[in-house]
Amino acid sequence: MKISTKGRYALRMMIDIAVNDHGEPVRIKEIAGRQGISDKYLEQIISVLNKAGYVKSIRGPQGGYRLTKAPADYTVGSILRLIEGSLAPVSCLESEVNECERQHDCATLILWQKLNDAINHVIDNVTIENLIEWQQGKSDNYVI
């Protein structure tokens, strides 16, 4: 499994909005400047986040984006799955029902299931708030 730049940038954008929302919407150009990412690329990502209700678009000359919930209410897993789709390490684990014809004879299936479970455990128990705290050195709690 490899997280794309889109997934990584979505997380960075959500963190940036959370940290820089001081009562005013955060503009894409400002995020792009702080993060060193093309504003056009961020617009593609923010569109997905906006349609899913993760951020709210504020129109007008003082417009921009705000989170719709508190940073503690967004898990890394929910954001990555929205942007990336399945995060399963192998295709046979992408749906709820494993339809692989070799699943009963697969010597590696348990390995992939354990890896998938470990990944999901981490990303579903780390929030945007945790990432902000880690970045700011306010918490060294990496136990999940």
N, C-alpha and C. Protein backbone atom coordinates (compact mmCIF):
# COMPACT_ATOMS: atom_id res chain seq x y z
N MET A 1 0.84 -1.17 0.00
CA MET A 1 0.00 0.00 0.00
C MET A 1 0.89 1.24 0.00
N LYS A 2 0.53 2.16 -0.87
CA LYS A 2 1.26 3.41 -0.93
C LYS A 2 0.23 4.54 -1.01
N ILE A 3 0.36 5.51 -0.12
CA ILE A 3 -0.56 6.65 -0.12
C ILE A 3 -0.08 7.63 -1.17
N SER A 4 -0.99 8.07 -2.01
CA SER A 4 -0.65 9.00 -3.10
C SER A 4 -0.40 10.40 -2.56
N THR A 5 0.14 11.26 -3.42
CA THR A 5 0.32 12.67 -3.01
C THR A 5 -1.03 13.29 -2.70
N LYS A 6 -2.07 12.89 -3.40
CA LYS A 6 -3.40 13.45 -3.14
C LYS A 6 -3.83 13.16 -1.70
N GLY A 7 -3.61 11.94 -1.26
CA GLY A 7 -3.97 11.56 0.11
C GLY A 7 -3.14 12.31 1.14
N ARG A 8 -1.84 12.39 0.90
CA ARG A 8 -0.96 13.11 1.83
C ARG A 8 -1.30 14.60 1.86
N TYR A 9 -1.57 15.18 0.70
CA TYR A 9 -1.91 16.60 0.64
C TYR A 9 -3.26 16.88 1.28
N ALA A 10 -4.20 15.95 1.17
CA ALA A 10 -5.50 16.13 1.82
C ALA A 10 -5.33 16.22 3.33
N LEU A 11 -4.48 15.37 3.89
CA LEU A 11 -4.21 15.43 5.32
C LEU A 11 -3.55 16.76 5.69
N ARG A 12 -2.55 17.16 4.91
CA ARG A 12 -1.88 18.43 5.18
C ARG A 12 -2.84 19.60 5.09
N MET A 13 -3.75 19.55 4.11
CA MET A 13 -4.72 20.63 3.94
C MET A 13 -5.67 20.69 5.14
N MET A 14 -6.16 19.55 5.58
CA MET A 14 -7.06 19.53 6.73
C MET A 14 -6.37 20.05 7.99
N ILE A 15 -5.11 19.69 8.18
CA ILE A 15 -4.34 20.20 9.31
C ILE A 15 -4.17 21.70 9.19
N ASP A 16 -3.80 22.17 8.01
CA ASP A 16 -3.59 23.59 7.77
C ASP A 16 -4.85 24.40 8.06
N ILE A 17 -5.99 23.92 7.59
CA ILE A 17 -7.25 24.62 7.83
C ILE A 17 -7.54 24.65 9.33
N ALA A 18 -7.34 23.54 10.01
CA ALA A 18 -7.61 23.47 11.45
C ALA A 18 -6.71 24.44 12.23
N VAL A 19 -5.45 24.49 11.87
CA VAL A 19 -4.48 25.33 12.60
C VAL A 19 -4.67 26.81 12.29
N ASN A 20 -5.07 27.13 11.07
CA ASN A 20 -5.10 28.53 10.63
C ASN A 20 -6.49 29.16 10.60
N ASP A 21 -7.50 28.45 11.06
CA ASP A 21 -8.84 29.03 11.15
C ASP A 21 -8.93 29.78 12.48
N HIS A 22 -8.77 31.09 12.39
CA HIS A 22 -8.85 31.94 13.58
C HIS A 22 -10.13 32.78 13.49
N GLY A 23 -11.22 32.13 13.12
CA GLY A 23 -12.49 32.82 12.98
C GLY A 23 -12.78 33.29 11.57
N GLU A 24 -11.80 33.17 10.70
CA GLU A 24 -11.96 33.55 9.29
C GLU A 24 -11.72 32.31 8.44
N PRO A 25 -12.45 32.18 7.32
CA PRO A 25 -12.19 31.05 6.42
C PRO A 25 -10.75 31.08 5.91
N VAL A 26 -10.21 29.92 5.67
CA VAL A 26 -8.84 29.79 5.19
C VAL A 26 -8.86 29.65 3.67
N ARG A 27 -8.07 30.47 3.01
CA ARG A 27 -8.05 30.49 1.54
C ARG A 27 -7.07 29.47 0.97
N ILE A 28 -7.45 28.92 -0.18
CA ILE A 28 -6.61 27.94 -0.87
C ILE A 28 -5.23 28.52 -1.18
N LYS A 29 -5.17 29.75 -1.66
CA LYS A 29 -3.87 30.36 -1.99
C LYS A 29 -2.95 30.41 -0.77
N GLU A 30 -3.52 30.69 0.40
CA GLU A 30 -2.72 30.74 1.63
C GLU A 30 -2.21 29.35 2.00
N ILE A 31 -3.09 28.36 1.88
CA ILE A 31 -2.67 26.98 2.17
C ILE A 31 -1.56 26.57 1.20
N ALA A 32 -1.78 26.87 -0.08
CA ALA A 32 -0.79 26.52 -1.11
C ALA A 32 0.56 27.13 -0.79
N GLY A 33 0.56 28.39 -0.38
CA GLY A 33 1.82 29.07 -0.05
C GLY A 33 2.51 28.45 1.16
N ARG A 34 1.74 28.18 2.20
CA ARG A 34 2.33 27.59 3.41
C ARG A 34 2.83 26.17 3.17
N GLN A 35 2.09 25.41 2.36
CA GLN A 35 2.41 24.00 2.16
C GLN A 35 3.32 23.74 0.97
N GLY A 36 3.53 24.75 0.13
CA GLY A 36 4.37 24.55 -1.05
C GLY A 36 3.73 23.61 -2.05
N ILE A 37 2.41 23.73 -2.20
CA ILE A 37 1.65 22.87 -3.11
C ILE A 37 0.90 23.77 -4.07
N SER A 38 0.76 23.35 -5.30
CA SER A 38 0.02 24.11 -6.30
C SER A 38 -1.43 24.34 -5.84
N ASP A 39 -1.90 25.59 -5.97
CA ASP A 39 -3.27 25.87 -5.58
C ASP A 39 -4.27 25.15 -6.49
N LYS A 40 -3.90 24.92 -7.74
CA LYS A 40 -4.78 24.18 -8.66
C LYS A 40 -4.96 22.73 -8.19
N TYR A 41 -3.88 22.13 -7.72
CA TYR A 41 -3.96 20.76 -7.22
C TYR A 41 -4.79 20.72 -5.94
N LEU A 42 -4.61 21.70 -5.07
CA LEU A 42 -5.38 21.75 -3.83
C LEU A 42 -6.86 21.95 -4.12
N GLU A 43 -7.19 22.70 -5.16
CA GLU A 43 -8.59 22.91 -5.52
C GLU A 43 -9.27 21.59 -5.89
N GLN A 44 -8.54 20.71 -6.55
CA GLN A 44 -9.09 19.39 -6.89
C GLN A 44 -9.39 18.59 -5.62
N ILE A 45 -8.47 18.66 -4.67
CA ILE A 45 -8.63 17.91 -3.43
C ILE A 45 -9.74 18.50 -2.57
N ILE A 46 -9.76 19.83 -2.46
CA ILE A 46 -10.76 20.49 -1.61
C ILE A 46 -12.16 20.24 -2.15
N SER A 47 -12.29 20.08 -3.46
CA SER A 47 -13.59 19.80 -4.07
C SER A 47 -14.15 18.48 -3.53
N VAL A 48 -13.31 17.47 -3.43
CA VAL A 48 -13.74 16.17 -2.91
C VAL A 48 -14.10 16.30 -1.43
N LEU A 49 -13.27 17.00 -0.67
CA LEU A 49 -13.52 17.20 0.76
C LEU A 49 -14.82 17.98 0.98
N ASN A 50 -15.06 18.97 0.13
CA ASN A 50 -16.25 19.80 0.23
C ASN A 50 -17.51 18.98 -0.09
N LYS A 51 -17.48 18.21 -1.17
CA LYS A 51 -18.64 17.39 -1.56
C LYS A 51 -18.98 16.37 -0.49
N ALA A 52 -17.97 15.88 0.22
CA ALA A 52 -18.19 14.88 1.27
C ALA A 52 -18.61 15.53 2.59
N GLY A 53 -18.59 16.85 2.65
CA GLY A 53 -19.00 17.54 3.87
C GLY A 53 -17.91 17.65 4.92
N TYR A 54 -16.67 17.41 4.56
CA TYR A 54 -15.55 17.51 5.50
C TYR A 54 -15.16 18.96 5.73
N VAL A 55 -15.33 19.77 4.70
CA VAL A 55 -15.07 21.21 4.80
C VAL A 55 -16.29 21.95 4.27
N LYS A 56 -16.37 23.21 4.65
CA LYS A 56 -17.48 24.06 4.19
C LYS A 56 -16.87 25.21 3.41
N SER A 57 -17.44 25.47 2.25
CA SER A 57 -16.99 26.55 1.40
C SER A 57 -17.70 27.83 1.80
N ILE A 58 -16.93 28.90 2.00
CA ILE A 58 -17.48 30.22 2.29
C ILE A 58 -17.19 31.09 1.07
N ARG A 59 -18.22 31.58 0.44
CA ARG A 59 -18.06 32.37 -0.79
C ARG A 59 -17.82 33.84 -0.46
N GLY A 60 -17.34 34.55 -1.49
CA GLY A 60 -17.17 35.99 -1.36
C GLY A 60 -15.73 36.39 -1.26
N PRO A 61 -15.46 37.71 -1.23
CA PRO A 61 -14.08 38.21 -1.21
C PRO A 61 -13.30 37.77 0.02
N GLN A 62 -13.98 37.53 1.12
CA GLN A 62 -13.30 37.06 2.34
C GLN A 62 -13.53 35.57 2.54
N GLY A 63 -13.89 34.89 1.45
CA GLY A 63 -14.24 33.48 1.52
C GLY A 63 -13.04 32.56 1.63
N GLY A 64 -13.34 31.31 1.75
CA GLY A 64 -12.33 30.27 1.89
C GLY A 64 -13.00 29.01 2.40
N TYR A 65 -12.29 28.28 3.24
CA TYR A 65 -12.81 27.00 3.74
C TYR A 65 -12.63 26.90 5.25
N ARG A 66 -13.57 26.16 5.83
CA ARG A 66 -13.52 25.85 7.26
C ARG A 66 -13.87 24.38 7.43
N LEU A 67 -13.37 23.78 8.48
CA LEU A 67 -13.76 22.41 8.80
C LEU A 67 -15.21 22.43 9.28
N THR A 68 -15.94 21.37 9.01
CA THR A 68 -17.33 21.29 9.46
C THR A 68 -17.45 20.68 10.85
N LYS A 69 -16.37 20.05 11.31
CA LYS A 69 -16.35 19.44 12.64
C LYS A 69 -15.03 19.80 13.33
N ALA A 70 -14.92 19.44 14.57
CA ALA A 70 -13.68 19.64 15.32
C ALA A 70 -12.59 18.71 14.79
N PRO A 71 -11.33 19.12 14.86
CA PRO A 71 -10.22 18.27 14.38
C PRO A 71 -10.21 16.87 15.01
N ALA A 72 -10.70 16.75 16.24
CA ALA A 72 -10.73 15.45 16.91
C ALA A 72 -11.76 14.51 16.29
N ASP A 73 -12.66 15.06 15.49
CA ASP A 73 -13.72 14.25 14.89
C ASP A 73 -13.39 13.69 13.51
N TYR A 74 -12.20 14.00 13.00
CA TYR A 74 -11.76 13.48 11.70
C TYR A 74 -10.65 12.47 11.94
N THR A 75 -10.86 11.24 11.49
CA THR A 75 -9.76 10.28 11.58
C THR A 75 -8.96 10.32 10.29
N VAL A 76 -7.71 9.96 10.41
CA VAL A 76 -6.85 9.86 9.23
C VAL A 76 -7.46 8.84 8.26
N GLY A 77 -7.99 7.75 8.79
CA GLY A 77 -8.60 6.72 7.95
C GLY A 77 -9.76 7.23 7.13
N SER A 78 -10.63 8.03 7.72
CA SER A 78 -11.79 8.52 6.98
C SER A 78 -11.35 9.44 5.84
N ILE A 79 -10.35 10.25 6.08
CA ILE A 79 -9.86 11.17 5.04
C ILE A 79 -9.15 10.39 3.93
N LEU A 80 -8.27 9.48 4.31
CA LEU A 80 -7.54 8.72 3.30
C LEU A 80 -8.47 7.85 2.46
N ARG A 81 -9.46 7.22 3.09
CA ARG A 81 -10.39 6.40 2.32
C ARG A 81 -11.22 7.25 1.36
N LEU A 82 -11.58 8.44 1.79
CA LEU A 82 -12.32 9.34 0.91
C LEU A 82 -11.50 9.68 -0.33
N ILE A 83 -10.24 10.00 -0.14
CA ILE A 83 -9.38 10.43 -1.24
C ILE A 83 -8.82 9.25 -2.02
N GLU A 84 -8.40 8.21 -1.34
CA GLU A 84 -7.69 7.09 -1.96
C GLU A 84 -8.61 5.94 -2.39
N GLY A 85 -9.73 5.81 -1.74
CA GLY A 85 -10.54 4.60 -1.93
C GLY A 85 -10.03 3.54 -0.97
N SER A 86 -10.01 2.31 -1.40
CA SER A 86 -9.56 1.21 -0.55
C SER A 86 -8.09 1.36 -0.17
N LEU A 87 -7.79 1.01 1.07
CA LEU A 87 -6.40 1.02 1.53
C LEU A 87 -5.89 -0.40 1.78
N ALA A 88 -6.67 -1.38 1.34
CA ALA A 88 -6.28 -2.78 1.55
C ALA A 88 -4.97 -3.08 0.82
N PRO A 89 -4.10 -3.88 1.47
CA PRO A 89 -2.81 -4.18 0.84
C PRO A 89 -2.91 -5.13 -0.36
N VAL A 90 -4.00 -5.88 -0.45
CA VAL A 90 -4.23 -6.77 -1.59
C VAL A 90 -5.69 -6.66 -2.02
N SER A 91 -5.95 -6.91 -3.29
CA SER A 91 -7.29 -6.70 -3.85
C SER A 91 -8.35 -7.60 -3.23
N CYS A 92 -7.98 -8.79 -2.78
CA CYS A 92 -8.99 -9.70 -2.24
C CYS A 92 -9.58 -9.20 -0.92
N LEU A 93 -8.97 -8.19 -0.30
CA LEU A 93 -9.49 -7.65 0.96
C LEU A 93 -10.22 -6.31 0.76
N GLU A 94 -10.40 -5.90 -0.49
CA GLU A 94 -11.01 -4.60 -0.75
C GLU A 94 -12.50 -4.55 -0.46
N SER A 95 -13.20 -5.67 -0.59
CA SER A 95 -14.63 -5.68 -0.29
C SER A 95 -14.86 -6.46 1.00
N GLU A 96 -16.07 -6.34 1.53
CA GLU A 96 -16.38 -7.02 2.79
C GLU A 96 -16.33 -8.53 2.66
N VAL A 97 -16.71 -9.03 1.49
CA VAL A 97 -16.69 -10.47 1.25
C VAL A 97 -15.51 -10.79 0.32
N ASN A 98 -14.63 -11.64 0.79
CA ASN A 98 -13.48 -12.06 -0.01
C ASN A 98 -13.97 -13.07 -1.04
N GLU A 99 -13.93 -12.69 -2.31
CA GLU A 99 -14.41 -13.57 -3.37
C GLU A 99 -13.28 -14.27 -4.11
N CYS A 100 -12.10 -14.24 -3.55
CA CYS A 100 -10.96 -14.90 -4.19
C CYS A 100 -11.17 -16.42 -4.15
N GLU A 101 -11.02 -17.04 -5.30
CA GLU A 101 -11.23 -18.49 -5.38
C GLU A 101 -10.14 -19.28 -4.66
N ARG A 102 -9.03 -18.62 -4.34
CA ARG A 102 -7.93 -19.30 -3.67
C ARG A 102 -7.90 -19.04 -2.17
N GLN A 103 -8.87 -18.32 -1.64
CA GLN A 103 -8.80 -17.91 -0.24
C GLN A 103 -8.65 -19.07 0.75
N HIS A 104 -9.21 -20.22 0.46
CA HIS A 104 -9.12 -21.36 1.38
C HIS A 104 -7.77 -22.06 1.31
N ASP A 105 -7.03 -21.82 0.23
CA ASP A 105 -5.72 -22.45 0.07
C ASP A 105 -4.59 -21.43 0.09
N CYS A 106 -4.90 -20.18 0.41
CA CYS A 106 -3.90 -19.11 0.33
C CYS A 106 -3.02 -19.10 1.57
N ALA A 107 -1.76 -19.33 1.36
CA ALA A 107 -0.81 -19.36 2.48
C ALA A 107 -0.54 -17.96 3.04
N THR A 108 -0.84 -16.93 2.27
CA THR A 108 -0.51 -15.57 2.72
C THR A 108 -1.72 -14.75 3.16
N LEU A 109 -2.93 -15.28 3.03
CA LEU A 109 -4.13 -14.51 3.34
C LEU A 109 -4.12 -13.98 4.77
N ILE A 110 -3.74 -14.79 5.73
CA ILE A 110 -3.73 -14.35 7.12
C ILE A 110 -2.73 -13.20 7.30
N LEU A 111 -1.59 -13.27 6.64
CA LEU A 111 -0.62 -12.18 6.69
C LEU A 111 -1.25 -10.88 6.20
N TRP A 112 -1.93 -10.94 5.04
CA TRP A 112 -2.53 -9.72 4.47
C TRP A 112 -3.66 -9.21 5.36
N GLN A 113 -4.41 -10.11 5.97
CA GLN A 113 -5.48 -9.69 6.88
C GLN A 113 -4.90 -9.00 8.11
N LYS A 114 -3.83 -9.55 8.66
CA LYS A 114 -3.20 -8.94 9.83
C LYS A 114 -2.62 -7.57 9.49
N LEU A 115 -1.99 -7.47 8.32
CA LEU A 115 -1.44 -6.19 7.88
C LEU A 115 -2.57 -5.17 7.69
N ASN A 116 -3.64 -5.58 7.05
CA ASN A 116 -4.80 -4.72 6.83
C ASN A 116 -5.40 -4.26 8.16
N ASP A 117 -5.53 -5.19 9.11
CA ASP A 117 -6.07 -4.86 10.43
C ASP A 117 -5.17 -3.87 11.15
N ALA A 118 -3.86 -4.06 11.06
CA ALA A 118 -2.92 -3.16 11.73
C ALA A 118 -2.98 -1.75 11.14
N ILE A 119 -3.01 -1.67 9.82
CA ILE A 119 -3.11 -0.37 9.16
C ILE A 119 -4.40 0.33 9.57
N ASN A 120 -5.52 -0.39 9.49
CA ASN A 120 -6.81 0.20 9.85
C ASN A 120 -6.84 0.63 11.31
N HIS A 121 -6.25 -0.15 12.19
CA HIS A 121 -6.22 0.21 13.61
C HIS A 121 -5.51 1.55 13.80
N VAL A 122 -4.39 1.73 13.15
CA VAL A 122 -3.64 2.98 13.30
C VAL A 122 -4.41 4.15 12.70
N ILE A 123 -4.77 4.05 11.43
CA ILE A 123 -5.37 5.21 10.78
C ILE A 123 -6.76 5.54 11.30
N ASP A 124 -7.45 4.56 11.88
CA ASP A 124 -8.78 4.83 12.43
C ASP A 124 -8.73 5.33 13.87
N ASN A 125 -7.54 5.35 14.46
CA ASN A 125 -7.39 5.83 15.84
C ASN A 125 -6.50 7.05 15.96
N VAL A 126 -6.10 7.61 14.83
CA VAL A 126 -5.34 8.87 14.82
C VAL A 126 -6.23 9.92 14.17
N THR A 127 -6.36 11.05 14.85
CA THR A 127 -7.21 12.12 14.35
C THR A 127 -6.37 13.29 13.85
N ILE A 128 -7.04 14.23 13.20
CA ILE A 128 -6.37 15.47 12.79
C ILE A 128 -5.83 16.18 14.04
N GLU A 129 -6.59 16.14 15.11
CA GLU A 129 -6.13 16.76 16.37
C GLU A 129 -4.82 16.11 16.85
N ASN A 130 -4.73 14.79 16.78
CA ASN A 130 -3.48 14.10 17.16
C ASN A 130 -2.32 14.57 16.31
N LEU A 131 -2.53 14.65 14.99
CA LEU A 131 -1.46 15.07 14.09
C LEU A 131 -0.99 16.49 14.41
N ILE A 132 -1.93 17.37 14.73
CA ILE A 132 -1.57 18.75 15.09
C ILE A 132 -0.75 18.74 16.38
N GLU A 133 -1.20 17.99 17.38
CA GLU A 133 -0.47 17.90 18.65
C GLU A 133 0.93 17.35 18.44
N TRP A 134 1.06 16.31 17.61
CA TRP A 134 2.37 15.74 17.34
C TRP A 134 3.26 16.75 16.64
N GLN A 135 2.69 17.46 15.67
CA GLN A 135 3.47 18.45 14.92
C GLN A 135 3.96 19.57 15.85
N GLN A 136 3.12 19.98 16.77
CA GLN A 136 3.45 21.08 17.66
C GLN A 136 4.23 20.62 18.89
N GLY A 137 4.52 19.34 18.96
CA GLY A 137 5.28 18.82 20.10
C GLY A 137 4.51 18.83 21.40
N LYS A 138 3.18 18.95 21.34
CA LYS A 138 2.36 19.01 22.55
C LYS A 138 2.08 17.62 23.11
N SER A 139 2.35 16.62 22.32
CA SER A 139 2.11 15.27 22.78
C SER A 139 3.15 14.36 22.17
N ASP A 140 3.68 13.49 22.98
CA ASP A 140 4.59 12.49 22.45
C ASP A 140 3.94 11.12 22.57
N ASN A 141 2.61 11.15 22.70
CA ASN A 141 1.85 9.92 22.84
C ASN A 141 1.63 9.28 21.47
N TYR A 142 2.46 8.34 21.14
CA TYR A 142 2.33 7.64 19.86
C TYR A 142 1.70 6.27 20.03
N VAL A 143 1.27 5.97 21.25
CA VAL A 143 0.63 4.68 21.50
C VAL A 143 -0.82 4.78 21.04
N ILE A 144 -1.19 3.85 20.20
CA ILE A 144 -2.54 3.88 19.64
C ILE A 144 -3.28 2.62 20.04
